[in-house]
Amino acid sequence: MEKNVGSRTLRDVKIGQTVRVKKLTGDGPVRRRIMDMGITKGVDIYVRKVAPLGDPMEVTVRGYELSLRKADAEMILV
């Protein structure tokens, strides 16, 4: 996957940081599933925990806790 210069994904965010979603990549059912979880452009995401091997990561979105796989986190540009 080719990244835009200066772009950062949710996977790159450190524990304890809050970021705002700029764009969702991916297509079809995967993108729809991410949006159904409440992750849309402009929403703030707080990174709570990351598992020892980096998968999954636990985030807070719209007041609830959510676990995301690394592959899903890479589709969220912040």
N, C-alpha and C. Protein backbone atom coordinates (compact mmCIF):
# COMPACT_ATOMS: atom_id res chain seq x y z
N MET A 1 0.85 -1.19 0.00
CA MET A 1 0.00 0.00 0.00
C MET A 1 0.88 1.24 0.00
N GLU A 2 0.63 2.14 -0.90
CA GLU A 2 1.42 3.35 -1.01
C GLU A 2 0.78 4.45 -0.18
N LYS A 3 1.59 5.13 0.63
CA LYS A 3 1.07 6.20 1.47
C LYS A 3 1.34 7.55 0.82
N ASN A 4 0.46 8.50 1.09
CA ASN A 4 0.70 9.86 0.65
C ASN A 4 1.78 10.46 1.53
N VAL A 5 2.55 11.39 1.00
CA VAL A 5 3.60 12.04 1.78
C VAL A 5 2.96 12.81 2.93
N GLY A 6 3.47 12.59 4.13
CA GLY A 6 2.95 13.30 5.30
C GLY A 6 1.70 12.68 5.91
N SER A 7 1.19 11.61 5.33
CA SER A 7 -0.01 11.01 5.90
C SER A 7 0.38 10.01 6.99
N ARG A 8 -0.51 9.84 7.93
CA ARG A 8 -0.27 8.96 9.06
C ARG A 8 -1.54 8.15 9.28
N THR A 9 -1.37 6.89 9.60
CA THR A 9 -2.53 6.05 9.85
C THR A 9 -2.74 5.89 11.35
N LEU A 10 -3.89 5.38 11.72
CA LEU A 10 -4.20 5.15 13.13
C LEU A 10 -3.20 4.17 13.74
N ARG A 11 -2.68 3.27 12.95
CA ARG A 11 -1.71 2.30 13.46
C ARG A 11 -0.43 2.98 13.96
N ASP A 12 -0.10 4.15 13.42
CA ASP A 12 1.13 4.87 13.79
C ASP A 12 0.98 5.69 15.07
N VAL A 13 -0.23 5.83 15.58
CA VAL A 13 -0.50 6.69 16.73
C VAL A 13 -0.05 5.97 18.01
N LYS A 14 0.57 6.73 18.92
CA LYS A 14 1.07 6.18 20.18
C LYS A 14 -0.05 6.13 21.23
N ILE A 15 0.12 5.26 22.21
CA ILE A 15 -0.83 5.13 23.31
C ILE A 15 -0.96 6.47 24.03
N GLY A 16 -2.20 6.85 24.35
CA GLY A 16 -2.45 8.09 25.07
C GLY A 16 -2.71 9.29 24.18
N GLN A 17 -2.56 9.14 22.87
CA GLN A 17 -2.80 10.26 21.96
C GLN A 17 -4.24 10.26 21.46
N THR A 18 -4.74 11.45 21.19
CA THR A 18 -6.05 11.61 20.55
C THR A 18 -5.81 12.22 19.18
N VAL A 19 -6.44 11.63 18.18
CA VAL A 19 -6.27 12.11 16.80
C VAL A 19 -7.65 12.26 16.14
N ARG A 20 -7.69 13.01 15.06
CA ARG A 20 -8.93 13.21 14.30
C ARG A 20 -8.81 12.51 12.95
N VAL A 21 -9.86 11.81 12.57
CA VAL A 21 -9.86 11.08 11.30
C VAL A 21 -9.93 12.06 10.14
N LYS A 22 -9.00 11.90 9.18
CA LYS A 22 -9.00 12.74 7.98
C LYS A 22 -9.69 12.03 6.82
N LYS A 23 -9.46 10.71 6.72
CA LYS A 23 -9.98 9.98 5.57
C LYS A 23 -9.98 8.49 5.85
N LEU A 24 -10.93 7.78 5.25
CA LEU A 24 -10.96 6.32 5.31
C LEU A 24 -10.55 5.79 3.94
N THR A 25 -9.60 4.87 3.92
CA THR A 25 -9.22 4.24 2.66
C THR A 25 -9.90 2.87 2.62
N GLY A 26 -9.57 2.07 1.66
CA GLY A 26 -10.23 0.77 1.53
C GLY A 26 -11.54 0.94 0.78
N ASP A 27 -12.18 -0.18 0.48
CA ASP A 27 -13.42 -0.07 -0.26
C ASP A 27 -14.40 -1.17 0.12
N GLY A 28 -15.62 -0.98 -0.32
CA GLY A 28 -16.64 -1.99 -0.15
C GLY A 28 -16.98 -2.32 1.29
N PRO A 29 -17.16 -3.61 1.58
CA PRO A 29 -17.64 -4.04 2.89
C PRO A 29 -16.71 -3.68 4.05
N VAL A 30 -15.40 -3.66 3.81
CA VAL A 30 -14.47 -3.34 4.88
C VAL A 30 -14.64 -1.88 5.32
N ARG A 31 -14.69 -0.98 4.36
CA ARG A 31 -14.90 0.44 4.67
C ARG A 31 -16.24 0.66 5.35
N ARG A 32 -17.27 -0.02 4.87
CA ARG A 32 -18.61 0.08 5.45
C ARG A 32 -18.60 -0.37 6.92
N ARG A 33 -17.88 -1.46 7.19
CA ARG A 33 -17.80 -1.98 8.56
C ARG A 33 -17.13 -0.98 9.49
N ILE A 34 -16.05 -0.34 9.02
CA ILE A 34 -15.36 0.67 9.82
C ILE A 34 -16.30 1.84 10.11
N MET A 35 -17.04 2.27 9.10
CA MET A 35 -17.98 3.37 9.29
C MET A 35 -19.12 2.97 10.24
N ASP A 36 -19.57 1.73 10.16
CA ASP A 36 -20.62 1.24 11.06
C ASP A 36 -20.17 1.23 12.52
N MET A 37 -18.86 1.13 12.74
CA MET A 37 -18.33 1.17 14.10
C MET A 37 -18.27 2.59 14.65
N GLY A 38 -18.63 3.57 13.83
CA GLY A 38 -18.64 4.96 14.28
C GLY A 38 -17.41 5.74 13.88
N ILE A 39 -16.53 5.14 13.11
CA ILE A 39 -15.31 5.83 12.67
C ILE A 39 -15.59 6.48 11.32
N THR A 40 -15.77 7.78 11.35
CA THR A 40 -16.05 8.55 10.14
C THR A 40 -15.13 9.78 10.11
N LYS A 41 -15.08 10.44 8.98
CA LYS A 41 -14.24 11.62 8.82
C LYS A 41 -14.61 12.68 9.86
N GLY A 42 -13.60 13.22 10.54
CA GLY A 42 -13.82 14.29 11.50
C GLY A 42 -13.98 13.84 12.94
N VAL A 43 -14.16 12.54 13.18
CA VAL A 43 -14.36 12.06 14.55
C VAL A 43 -13.01 11.92 15.25
N ASP A 44 -12.99 12.18 16.58
CA ASP A 44 -11.78 12.03 17.37
C ASP A 44 -11.66 10.59 17.87
N ILE A 45 -10.43 10.08 17.87
CA ILE A 45 -10.15 8.73 18.35
C ILE A 45 -9.02 8.82 19.37
N TYR A 46 -9.26 8.24 20.56
CA TYR A 46 -8.25 8.19 21.61
C TYR A 46 -7.69 6.77 21.67
N VAL A 47 -6.37 6.63 21.59
CA VAL A 47 -5.74 5.32 21.62
C VAL A 47 -5.47 4.95 23.08
N ARG A 48 -6.20 3.92 23.56
CA ARG A 48 -6.09 3.49 24.96
C ARG A 48 -4.99 2.48 25.20
N LYS A 49 -4.97 1.42 24.41
CA LYS A 49 -4.01 0.33 24.62
C LYS A 49 -3.65 -0.29 23.29
N VAL A 50 -2.47 -0.90 23.26
CA VAL A 50 -2.08 -1.70 22.10
C VAL A 50 -1.54 -3.02 22.66
N ALA A 51 -2.00 -4.13 22.11
CA ALA A 51 -1.54 -5.45 22.56
C ALA A 51 -0.03 -5.56 22.38
N PRO A 52 0.62 -6.44 23.15
CA PRO A 52 2.09 -6.57 23.08
C PRO A 52 2.64 -6.77 21.67
N LEU A 53 1.94 -7.50 20.83
CA LEU A 53 2.42 -7.70 19.46
C LEU A 53 1.79 -6.69 18.49
N GLY A 54 1.07 -5.71 19.03
CA GLY A 54 0.50 -4.65 18.21
C GLY A 54 -0.86 -4.95 17.62
N ASP A 55 -1.41 -6.11 17.90
CA ASP A 55 -2.70 -6.46 17.29
C ASP A 55 -3.56 -7.19 18.31
N PRO A 56 -4.70 -6.74 18.71
CA PRO A 56 -5.38 -5.53 18.26
C PRO A 56 -5.00 -4.31 19.08
N MET A 57 -5.57 -3.17 18.72
CA MET A 57 -5.40 -1.96 19.51
C MET A 57 -6.77 -1.56 20.03
N GLU A 58 -6.79 -0.98 21.22
CA GLU A 58 -8.05 -0.58 21.83
C GLU A 58 -8.15 0.94 21.79
N VAL A 59 -9.26 1.44 21.26
CA VAL A 59 -9.46 2.88 21.11
C VAL A 59 -10.81 3.28 21.70
N THR A 60 -10.95 4.57 21.96
CA THR A 60 -12.24 5.12 22.39
C THR A 60 -12.74 6.02 21.27
N VAL A 61 -13.94 5.72 20.79
CA VAL A 61 -14.57 6.48 19.70
C VAL A 61 -15.99 6.81 20.11
N ARG A 62 -16.35 8.09 20.04
CA ARG A 62 -17.73 8.52 20.35
C ARG A 62 -18.20 8.00 21.72
N GLY A 63 -17.28 7.93 22.69
CA GLY A 63 -17.65 7.56 24.04
C GLY A 63 -17.69 6.07 24.33
N TYR A 64 -17.34 5.23 23.37
CA TYR A 64 -17.30 3.79 23.67
C TYR A 64 -15.97 3.19 23.25
N GLU A 65 -15.64 2.06 23.86
CA GLU A 65 -14.37 1.40 23.60
C GLU A 65 -14.51 0.40 22.46
N LEU A 66 -13.47 0.32 21.66
CA LEU A 66 -13.51 -0.48 20.46
C LEU A 66 -12.14 -1.10 20.24
N SER A 67 -12.11 -2.35 19.81
CA SER A 67 -10.84 -3.01 19.46
C SER A 67 -10.75 -3.09 17.94
N LEU A 68 -9.59 -2.71 17.42
CA LEU A 68 -9.36 -2.72 15.97
C LEU A 68 -8.15 -3.56 15.63
N ARG A 69 -8.23 -4.29 14.54
CA ARG A 69 -7.07 -5.01 14.03
C ARG A 69 -6.11 -4.03 13.36
N LYS A 70 -4.85 -4.42 13.27
CA LYS A 70 -3.85 -3.58 12.61
C LYS A 70 -4.26 -3.26 11.18
N ALA A 71 -4.78 -4.26 10.48
CA ALA A 71 -5.17 -4.07 9.08
C ALA A 71 -6.26 -3.00 8.95
N ASP A 72 -7.20 -2.97 9.91
CA ASP A 72 -8.25 -1.95 9.88
C ASP A 72 -7.69 -0.59 10.23
N ALA A 73 -6.80 -0.55 11.22
CA ALA A 73 -6.20 0.72 11.66
C ALA A 73 -5.40 1.37 10.53
N GLU A 74 -4.82 0.55 9.65
CA GLU A 74 -4.03 1.11 8.54
C GLU A 74 -4.91 1.78 7.49
N MET A 75 -6.20 1.52 7.51
CA MET A 75 -7.10 2.13 6.53
C MET A 75 -7.66 3.47 7.01
N ILE A 76 -7.28 3.88 8.21
CA ILE A 76 -7.80 5.12 8.79
C ILE A 76 -6.68 6.15 8.81
N LEU A 77 -6.78 7.17 7.97
CA LEU A 77 -5.79 8.24 7.92
C LEU A 77 -6.15 9.30 8.95
N VAL A 78 -5.14 9.72 9.73
CA VAL A 78 -5.38 10.71 10.78
C VAL A 78 -4.46 11.89 10.61
